[in-house]
Amino acid sequence: MSTTTAPTQPVVFVEELGTAARDAAARIEHERCDSCGHRAYVVTVVPSAAGPMPLSWCAHHFETVGKGSGAVAIDIRSRLAQAPGASAGA
């Protein structure tokens, strides 16, 4: 019997991030989804000419749009189950 697992996003250590990405990871509690403005639970990092650029995602938009948008710098979606009344976003 064989089992398959879904491919995972590459995880980047905070020390490897540029200043803007490190700042976003440090402020995840206050970040907002770049797509809809809801609370962000995931920060991805995409390369750019100016250096690593962080993108913040609510849980919904990360699942529908953000999964292919770079390496995951921080993912606190597990806190959704711990926070009573927390919303995953749009």
PDB file of N, CA and C in Angstrom:
ATOM      1  N   MET A   1       0.841  -1.170   0.000  1.00  0.00           N
ATOM      2  CA  MET A   1       0.000   0.000   0.000  1.00  0.00           C
ATOM      3  C   MET A   1       0.892   1.241   0.000  1.00  0.00           C
ATOM      4  N   SER A   2       0.690   2.093  -0.964  1.00  0.00           N
ATOM      5  CA  SER A   2       1.516   3.295  -1.012  1.00  0.00           C
ATOM      6  C   SER A   2       0.675   4.510  -0.650  1.00  0.00           C
ATOM      7  N   THR A   3       1.326   5.428  -0.029  1.00  0.00           N
ATOM      8  CA  THR A   3       0.642   6.668   0.309  1.00  0.00           C
ATOM      9  C   THR A   3       1.375   7.811  -0.365  1.00  0.00           C
ATOM     10  N   THR A   4       0.642   8.814  -0.726  1.00  0.00           N
ATOM     11  CA  THR A   4       1.263   9.988  -1.316  1.00  0.00           C
ATOM     12  C   THR A   4       1.028  11.168  -0.397  1.00  0.00           C
ATOM     13  N   THR A   5       1.958  12.055  -0.409  1.00  0.00           N
ATOM     14  CA  THR A   5       1.810  13.261   0.384  1.00  0.00           C
ATOM     15  C   THR A   5       1.862  14.454  -0.545  1.00  0.00           C
ATOM     16  N   ALA A   6       1.148  15.470  -0.179  1.00  0.00           N
ATOM     17  CA  ALA A   6       1.136  16.689  -0.973  1.00  0.00           C
ATOM     18  C   ALA A   6       2.495  17.366  -0.867  1.00  0.00           C
ATOM     19  N   PRO A   7       2.968  17.954  -1.963  1.00  0.00           N
ATOM     20  CA  PRO A   7       4.237  18.669  -1.878  1.00  0.00           C
ATOM     21  C   PRO A   7       4.106  19.847  -0.914  1.00  0.00           C
ATOM     22  N   THR A   8       5.175  20.117  -0.217  1.00  0.00           N
ATOM     23  CA  THR A   8       5.138  21.215   0.743  1.00  0.00           C
ATOM     24  C   THR A   8       5.871  22.424   0.182  1.00  0.00           C
ATOM     25  N   GLN A   9       5.537  23.572   0.706  1.00  0.00           N
ATOM     26  CA  GLN A   9       6.205  24.807   0.321  1.00  0.00           C
ATOM     27  C   GLN A   9       7.597  24.810   0.930  1.00  0.00           C
ATOM     28  N   PRO A  10       8.573  25.361   0.218  1.00  0.00           N
ATOM     29  CA  PRO A  10       9.886  25.509   0.853  1.00  0.00           C
ATOM     30  C   PRO A  10       9.777  26.509   2.000  1.00  0.00           C
ATOM     31  N   VAL A  11      10.440  26.204   3.086  1.00  0.00           N
ATOM     32  CA  VAL A  11      10.411  27.095   4.250  1.00  0.00           C
ATOM     33  C   VAL A  11      11.749  27.815   4.327  1.00  0.00           C
ATOM     34  N   VAL A  12      11.685  29.112   4.518  1.00  0.00           N
ATOM     35  CA  VAL A  12      12.882  29.935   4.604  1.00  0.00           C
ATOM     36  C   VAL A  12      13.080  30.335   6.056  1.00  0.00           C
ATOM     37  N   PHE A  13      14.295  30.220   6.535  1.00  0.00           N
ATOM     38  CA  PHE A  13      14.579  30.653   7.893  1.00  0.00           C
ATOM     39  C   PHE A  13      14.601  32.172   7.942  1.00  0.00           C
ATOM     40  N   VAL A  14      14.082  32.730   9.009  1.00  0.00           N
ATOM     41  CA  VAL A  14      13.962  34.183   9.132  1.00  0.00           C
ATOM     42  C   VAL A  14      15.314  34.868   8.934  1.00  0.00           C
ATOM     43  N   GLU A  15      16.402  34.247   9.382  1.00  0.00           N
ATOM     44  CA  GLU A  15      17.723  34.850   9.243  1.00  0.00           C
ATOM     45  C   GLU A  15      18.110  35.032   7.779  1.00  0.00           C
ATOM     46  N   GLU A  16      17.541  34.243   6.862  1.00  0.00           N
ATOM     47  CA  GLU A  16      17.889  34.304   5.452  1.00  0.00           C
ATOM     48  C   GLU A  16      17.088  35.367   4.701  1.00  0.00           C
ATOM     49  N   LEU A  17      16.133  35.969   5.341  1.00  0.00           N
ATOM     50  CA  LEU A  17      15.263  36.919   4.685  1.00  0.00           C
ATOM     51  C   LEU A  17      15.896  38.302   4.643  1.00  0.00           C
ATOM     52  N   GLY A  18      15.421  39.113   3.715  1.00  0.00           N
ATOM     53  CA  GLY A  18      15.832  40.509   3.687  1.00  0.00           C
ATOM     54  C   GLY A  18      15.172  41.263   4.835  1.00  0.00           C
ATOM     55  N   THR A  19      15.567  42.497   5.019  1.00  0.00           N
ATOM     56  CA  THR A  19      15.055  43.302   6.131  1.00  0.00           C
ATOM     57  C   THR A  19      13.533  43.416   6.106  1.00  0.00           C
ATOM     58  N   ALA A  20      12.935  43.709   4.944  1.00  0.00           N
ATOM     59  CA  ALA A  20      11.477  43.871   4.855  1.00  0.00           C
ATOM     60  C   ALA A  20      10.758  42.582   5.203  1.00  0.00           C
ATOM     61  N   ALA A  21      11.281  41.460   4.739  1.00  0.00           N
ATOM     62  CA  ALA A  21      10.657  40.169   5.027  1.00  0.00           C
ATOM     63  C   ALA A  21      10.799  39.815   6.499  1.00  0.00           C
ATOM     64  N   ARG A  22      11.966  40.090   7.080  1.00  0.00           N
ATOM     65  CA  ARG A  22      12.176  39.840   8.514  1.00  0.00           C
ATOM     66  C   ARG A  22      11.213  40.675   9.346  1.00  0.00           C
ATOM     67  N   ASP A  23      11.034  41.933   8.945  1.00  0.00           N
ATOM     68  CA  ASP A  23      10.110  42.809   9.661  1.00  0.00           C
ATOM     69  C   ASP A  23       8.685  42.284   9.579  1.00  0.00           C
ATOM     70  N   ALA A  24       8.262  41.821   8.402  1.00  0.00           N
ATOM     71  CA  ALA A  24       6.911  41.280   8.238  1.00  0.00           C
ATOM     72  C   ALA A  24       6.723  40.039   9.097  1.00  0.00           C
ATOM     73  N   ALA A  25       7.731  39.176   9.138  1.00  0.00           N
ATOM     74  CA  ALA A  25       7.641  37.968   9.954  1.00  0.00           C
ATOM     75  C   ALA A  25       7.550  38.325  11.431  1.00  0.00           C
ATOM     76  N   ALA A  26       8.276  39.356  11.849  1.00  0.00           N
ATOM     77  CA  ALA A  26       8.246  39.772  13.252  1.00  0.00           C
ATOM     78  C   ALA A  26       6.907  40.400  13.618  1.00  0.00           C
ATOM     79  N   ARG A  27       6.243  41.005  12.648  1.00  0.00           N
ATOM     80  CA  ARG A  27       4.971  41.697  12.903  1.00  0.00           C
ATOM     81  C   ARG A  27       3.759  40.863  12.495  1.00  0.00           C
ATOM     82  N   ILE A  28       3.897  39.564  12.305  1.00  0.00           N
ATOM     83  CA  ILE A  28       2.801  38.750  11.771  1.00  0.00           C
ATOM     84  C   ILE A  28       1.512  38.935  12.564  1.00  0.00           C
ATOM     85  N   GLU A  29       1.610  39.201  13.834  1.00  0.00           N
ATOM     86  CA  GLU A  29       0.407  39.396  14.649  1.00  0.00           C
ATOM     87  C   GLU A  29      -0.409  40.594  14.177  1.00  0.00           C
ATOM     88  N   HIS A  30       0.239  41.532  13.485  1.00  0.00           N
ATOM     89  CA  HIS A  30      -0.437  42.753  13.052  1.00  0.00           C
ATOM     90  C   HIS A  30      -0.546  42.874  11.538  1.00  0.00           C
ATOM     91  N   GLU A  31      -0.018  41.894  10.802  1.00  0.00           N
ATOM     92  CA  GLU A  31      -0.047  41.942   9.341  1.00  0.00           C
ATOM     93  C   GLU A  31      -1.456  41.727   8.810  1.00  0.00           C
ATOM     94  N   ARG A  32      -1.723  42.276   7.634  1.00  0.00           N
ATOM     95  CA  ARG A  32      -2.996  42.135   6.941  1.00  0.00           C
ATOM     96  C   ARG A  32      -2.746  41.481   5.591  1.00  0.00           C
ATOM     97  N   CYS A  33      -3.716  40.711   5.133  1.00  0.00           N
ATOM     98  CA  CYS A  33      -3.624  40.036   3.838  1.00  0.00           C
ATOM     99  C   CYS A  33      -3.476  41.085   2.740  1.00  0.00           C
ATOM    100  N   ASP A  34      -2.478  40.911   1.890  1.00  0.00           N
ATOM    101  CA  ASP A  34      -2.263  41.849   0.786  1.00  0.00           C
ATOM    102  C   ASP A  34      -3.368  41.751  -0.259  1.00  0.00           C
ATOM    103  N   SER A  35      -4.154  40.690  -0.215  1.00  0.00           N
ATOM    104  CA  SER A  35      -5.225  40.510  -1.191  1.00  0.00           C
ATOM    105  C   SER A  35      -6.552  41.109  -0.728  1.00  0.00           C
ATOM    106  N   CYS A  36      -6.900  40.908   0.559  1.00  0.00           N
ATOM    107  CA  CYS A  36      -8.243  41.325   0.997  1.00  0.00           C
ATOM    108  C   CYS A  36      -8.260  42.193   2.252  1.00  0.00           C
ATOM    109  N   GLY A  37      -7.153  42.275   2.978  1.00  0.00           N
ATOM    110  CA  GLY A  37      -7.110  43.102   4.168  1.00  0.00           C
ATOM    111  C   GLY A  37      -7.455  42.394   5.470  1.00  0.00           C
ATOM    112  N   HIS A  38      -7.855  41.108   5.411  1.00  0.00           N
ATOM    113  CA  HIS A  38      -8.106  40.373   6.648  1.00  0.00           C
ATOM    114  C   HIS A  38      -6.776  40.071   7.342  1.00  0.00           C
ATOM    115  N   ARG A  39      -6.856  39.562   8.560  1.00  0.00           N
ATOM    116  CA  ARG A  39      -5.655  39.224   9.323  1.00  0.00           C
ATOM    117  C   ARG A  39      -4.809  38.207   8.561  1.00  0.00           C
ATOM    118  N   ALA A  40      -3.506  38.432   8.519  1.00  0.00           N
ATOM    119  CA  ALA A  40      -2.594  37.530   7.821  1.00  0.00           C
ATOM    120  C   ALA A  40      -2.124  36.424   8.755  1.00  0.00           C
ATOM    121  N   TYR A  41      -2.064  35.215   8.213  1.00  0.00           N
ATOM    122  CA  TYR A  41      -1.563  34.062   8.953  1.00  0.00           C
ATOM    123  C   TYR A  41      -0.333  33.448   8.291  1.00  0.00           C
ATOM    124  N   VAL A  42      -0.041  33.866   7.060  1.00  0.00           N
ATOM    125  CA  VAL A  42       1.092  33.317   6.323  1.00  0.00           C
ATOM    126  C   VAL A  42       1.831  34.476   5.652  1.00  0.00           C
ATOM    127  N   VAL A  43       3.153  34.441   5.705  1.00  0.00           N
ATOM    128  CA  VAL A  43       3.971  35.386   4.958  1.00  0.00           C
ATOM    129  C   VAL A  43       4.842  34.565   4.017  1.00  0.00           C
ATOM    130  N   THR A  44       4.775  34.881   2.727  1.00  0.00           N
ATOM    131  CA  THR A  44       5.657  34.247   1.750  1.00  0.00           C
ATOM    132  C   THR A  44       6.675  35.286   1.303  1.00  0.00           C
ATOM    133  N   VAL A  45       7.764  34.819   0.726  1.00  0.00           N
ATOM    134  CA  VAL A  45       8.818  35.712   0.261  1.00  0.00           C
ATOM    135  C   VAL A  45       9.082  35.414  -1.207  1.00  0.00           C
ATOM    136  N   VAL A  46       9.025  36.456  -2.030  1.00  0.00           N
ATOM    137  CA  VAL A  46       9.319  36.303  -3.454  1.00  0.00           C
ATOM    138  C   VAL A  46      10.561  37.131  -3.771  1.00  0.00           C
ATOM    139  N   PRO A  47      11.397  36.618  -4.670  1.00  0.00           N
ATOM    140  CA  PRO A  47      12.584  37.383  -5.038  1.00  0.00           C
ATOM    141  C   PRO A  47      12.194  38.583  -5.897  1.00  0.00           C
ATOM    142  N   SER A  48      12.909  39.669  -5.745  1.00  0.00           N
ATOM    143  CA  SER A  48      12.708  40.836  -6.600  1.00  0.00           C
ATOM    144  C   SER A  48      14.057  41.511  -6.786  1.00  0.00           C
ATOM    145  N   ALA A  49      14.129  42.441  -7.724  1.00  0.00           N
ATOM    146  CA  ALA A  49      15.388  43.142  -7.985  1.00  0.00           C
ATOM    147  C   ALA A  49      15.860  43.911  -6.753  1.00  0.00           C
ATOM    148  N   ALA A  50      14.921  44.367  -5.929  1.00  0.00           N
ATOM    149  CA  ALA A  50      15.259  45.131  -4.730  1.00  0.00           C
ATOM    150  C   ALA A  50      15.558  44.233  -3.534  1.00  0.00           C
ATOM    151  N   GLY A  51      15.486  42.935  -3.697  1.00  0.00           N
ATOM    152  CA  GLY A  51      15.704  41.998  -2.597  1.00  0.00           C
ATOM    153  C   GLY A  51      14.429  41.241  -2.294  1.00  0.00           C
ATOM    154  N   PRO A  52      14.456  40.320  -1.338  1.00  0.00           N
ATOM    155  CA  PRO A  52      13.276  39.513  -1.011  1.00  0.00           C
ATOM    156  C   PRO A  52      12.089  40.398  -0.637  1.00  0.00           C
ATOM    157  N   MET A  53      10.938  40.113  -1.232  1.00  0.00           N
ATOM    158  CA  MET A  53       9.732  40.899  -0.967  1.00  0.00           C
ATOM    159  C   MET A  53       8.700  40.027  -0.262  1.00  0.00           C
ATOM    160  N   PRO A  54       8.242  40.437   0.928  1.00  0.00           N
ATOM    161  CA  PRO A  54       7.246  39.644   1.649  1.00  0.00           C
ATOM    162  C   PRO A  54       5.838  39.904   1.124  1.00  0.00           C
ATOM    163  N   LEU A  55       5.031  38.870   1.078  1.00  0.00           N
ATOM    164  CA  LEU A  55       3.608  38.973   0.771  1.00  0.00           C
ATOM    165  C   LEU A  55       2.856  38.339   1.927  1.00  0.00           C
ATOM    166  N   SER A  56       1.866  39.026   2.452  1.00  0.00           N
ATOM    167  CA  SER A  56       1.089  38.525   3.581  1.00  0.00           C
ATOM    168  C   SER A  56      -0.242  37.990   3.085  1.00  0.00           C
ATOM    169  N   TRP A  57      -0.696  36.879   3.678  1.00  0.00           N
ATOM    170  CA  TRP A  57      -1.904  36.197   3.227  1.00  0.00           C
ATOM    171  C   TRP A  57      -2.796  35.798   4.390  1.00  0.00           C
ATOM    172  N   CYS A  58      -4.110  35.959   4.235  1.00  0.00           N
ATOM    173  CA  CYS A  58      -5.048  35.325   5.158  1.00  0.00           C
ATOM    174  C   CYS A  58      -5.037  33.832   4.802  1.00  0.00           C
ATOM    175  N   ALA A  59      -5.611  33.003   5.634  1.00  0.00           N
ATOM    176  CA  ALA A  59      -5.597  31.556   5.371  1.00  0.00           C
ATOM    177  C   ALA A  59      -6.299  31.229   4.054  1.00  0.00           C
ATOM    178  N   HIS A  60      -7.425  31.880   3.776  1.00  0.00           N
ATOM    179  CA  HIS A  60      -8.185  31.610   2.552  1.00  0.00           C
ATOM    180  C   HIS A  60      -7.372  31.957   1.304  1.00  0.00           C
ATOM    181  N   HIS A  61      -6.818  33.150   1.243  1.00  0.00           N
ATOM    182  CA  HIS A  61      -6.090  33.553   0.043  1.00  0.00           C
ATOM    183  C   HIS A  61      -4.765  32.822  -0.109  1.00  0.00           C
ATOM    184  N   PHE A  62      -4.158  32.381   0.977  1.00  0.00           N
ATOM    185  CA  PHE A  62      -2.957  31.564   0.832  1.00  0.00           C
ATOM    186  C   PHE A  62      -3.310  30.253   0.143  1.00  0.00           C
ATOM    187  N   GLU A  63      -4.418  29.638   0.558  1.00  0.00           N
ATOM    188  CA  GLU A  63      -4.833  28.364  -0.044  1.00  0.00           C
ATOM    189  C   GLU A  63      -5.218  28.531  -1.511  1.00  0.00           C
ATOM    190  N   THR A  64      -5.888  29.626  -1.867  1.00  0.00           N
ATOM    191  CA  THR A  64      -6.395  29.777  -3.228  1.00  0.00           C
ATOM    192  C   THR A  64      -5.434  30.478  -4.177  1.00  0.00           C
ATOM    193  N   VAL A  65      -4.543  31.326  -3.665  1.00  0.00           N
ATOM    194  CA  VAL A  65      -3.671  32.114  -4.531  1.00  0.00           C
ATOM    195  C   VAL A  65      -2.201  31.997  -4.138  1.00  0.00           C
ATOM    196  N   GLY A  66      -1.925  32.081  -2.858  1.00  0.00           N
ATOM    197  CA  GLY A  66      -0.564  32.274  -2.385  1.00  0.00           C
ATOM    198  C   GLY A  66       0.359  31.086  -2.392  1.00  0.00           C
ATOM    199  N   LYS A  67      -0.160  29.871  -2.508  1.00  0.00           N
ATOM    200  CA  LYS A  67       0.706  28.687  -2.392  1.00  0.00           C
ATOM    201  C   LYS A  67       1.841  28.675  -3.401  1.00  0.00           C
ATOM    202  N   GLY A  68       1.640  29.230  -4.576  1.00  0.00           N
ATOM    203  CA  GLY A  68       2.700  29.231  -5.579  1.00  0.00           C
ATOM    204  C   GLY A  68       3.480  30.525  -5.624  1.00  0.00           C
ATOM    205  N   SER A  69       3.356  31.343  -4.598  1.00  0.00           N
ATOM    206  CA  SER A  69       3.920  32.692  -4.675  1.00  0.00           C
ATOM    207  C   SER A  69       5.216  32.884  -3.910  1.00  0.00           C
ATOM    208  N   GLY A  70       6.009  31.858  -3.780  1.00  0.00           N
ATOM    209  CA  GLY A  70       7.293  32.019  -3.109  1.00  0.00           C
ATOM    210  C   GLY A  70       7.426  31.107  -1.912  1.00  0.00           C
ATOM    211  N   ALA A  71       8.567  31.206  -1.266  1.00  0.00           N
ATOM    212  CA  ALA A  71       8.856  30.384  -0.102  1.00  0.00           C
ATOM    213  C   ALA A  71       8.099  30.906   1.111  1.00  0.00           C
ATOM    214  N   VAL A  72       7.619  29.991   1.933  1.00  0.00           N
ATOM    215  CA  VAL A  72       6.897  30.371   3.144  1.00  0.00           C
ATOM    216  C   VAL A  72       7.900  30.790   4.209  1.00  0.00           C
ATOM    217  N   ALA A  73       7.763  32.023   4.696  1.00  0.00           N
ATOM    218  CA  ALA A  73       8.653  32.520   5.745  1.00  0.00           C
ATOM    219  C   ALA A  73       8.083  32.214   7.112  1.00  0.00           C
ATOM    220  N   ILE A  74       6.786  32.361   7.246  1.00  0.00           N
ATOM    221  CA  ILE A  74       6.135  32.096   8.526  1.00  0.00           C
ATOM    222  C   ILE A  74       4.704  31.665   8.250  1.00  0.00           C
ATOM    223  N   ASP A  75       4.246  30.698   9.026  1.00  0.00           N
ATOM    224  CA  ASP A  75       2.894  30.163   8.853  1.00  0.00           C
ATOM    225  C   ASP A  75       2.332  29.903  10.248  1.00  0.00           C
ATOM    226  N   ILE A  76       1.350  30.714  10.637  1.00  0.00           N
ATOM    227  CA  ILE A  76       0.759  30.542  11.962  1.00  0.00           C
ATOM    228  C   ILE A  76      -0.706  30.116  11.858  1.00  0.00           C
ATOM    229  N   ARG A  77      -1.057  29.443  10.755  1.00  0.00           N
ATOM    230  CA  ARG A  77      -2.441  28.987  10.597  1.00  0.00           C
ATOM    231  C   ARG A  77      -2.854  28.026  11.699  1.00  0.00           C
ATOM    232  N   SER A  78      -1.923  27.351  12.331  1.00  0.00           N
ATOM    233  CA  SER A  78      -2.274  26.429  13.421  1.00  0.00           C
ATOM    234  C   SER A  78      -2.924  27.173  14.579  1.00  0.00           C
ATOM    235  N   ARG A  79      -2.682  28.468  14.687  1.00  0.00           N
ATOM    236  CA  ARG A  79      -3.294  29.267  15.750  1.00  0.00           C
ATOM    237  C   ARG A  79      -4.785  29.481  15.518  1.00  0.00           C
ATOM    238  N   LEU A  80      -5.266  29.242  14.304  1.00  0.00           N
ATOM    239  CA  LEU A  80      -6.695  29.408  14.018  1.00  0.00           C
ATOM    240  C   LEU A  80      -7.533  28.504  14.914  1.00  0.00           C
ATOM    241  N   ALA A  81      -7.083  27.288  15.133  1.00  0.00           N
ATOM    242  CA  ALA A  81      -7.836  26.340  15.966  1.00  0.00           C
ATOM    243  C   ALA A  81      -7.755  26.714  17.441  1.00  0.00           C
ATOM    244  N   GLN A  82      -6.737  27.465  17.811  1.00  0.00           N
ATOM    245  CA  GLN A  82      -6.529  27.820  19.220  1.00  0.00           C
ATOM    246  C   GLN A  82      -7.270  29.091  19.614  1.00  0.00           C
ATOM    247  N   ALA A  83      -7.598  29.949  18.658  1.00  0.00           N
ATOM    248  CA  ALA A  83      -8.205  31.234  18.973  1.00  0.00           C
ATOM    249  C   ALA A  83      -9.712  31.163  18.809  1.00  0.00           C
ATOM    250  N   PRO A  84     -10.472  31.242  19.902  1.00  0.00           N
ATOM    251  CA  PRO A  84     -11.920  31.199  19.784  1.00  0.00           C
ATOM    252  C   PRO A  84     -12.436  32.377  18.973  1.00  0.00           C
ATOM    253  N   GLY A  85     -13.292  32.086  18.014  1.00  0.00           N
ATOM    254  CA  GLY A  85     -13.902  33.137  17.194  1.00  0.00           C
ATOM    255  C   GLY A  85     -12.984  33.710  16.148  1.00  0.00           C
ATOM    256  N   ALA A  86     -11.804  33.118  15.936  1.00  0.00           N
ATOM    257  CA  ALA A  86     -10.888  33.656  14.935  1.00  0.00           C
ATOM    258  C   ALA A  86     -11.410  33.367  13.543  1.00  0.00           C
ATOM    259  N   SER A  87     -11.188  34.286  12.644  1.00  0.00           N
ATOM    260  CA  SER A  87     -11.630  34.150  11.267  1.00  0.00           C
ATOM    261  C   SER A  87     -10.424  33.895  10.385  1.00  0.00           C
ATOM    262  N   ALA A  88     -10.566  32.979   9.432  1.00  0.00           N
ATOM    263  CA  ALA A  88      -9.479  32.669   8.513  1.00  0.00           C
ATOM    264  C   ALA A  88      -9.360  33.708   7.415  1.00  0.00           C
ATOM    265  N   GLY A  89     -10.258  34.615   7.340  1.00  0.00           N
ATOM    266  CA  GLY A  89     -10.216  35.620   6.265  1.00  0.00           C
ATOM    267  C   GLY A  89     -11.389  35.437   5.361  1.00  0.00           C
ATOM    268  N   ALA A  90     -11.305  36.069   4.179  1.00  0.00           N
ATOM    269  CA  ALA A  90     -12.418  36.136   3.233  1.00  0.00           C
ATOM    270  C   ALA A  90     -13.079  34.829   2.973  1.00  0.00           C
TER     271      ALA A  90
END
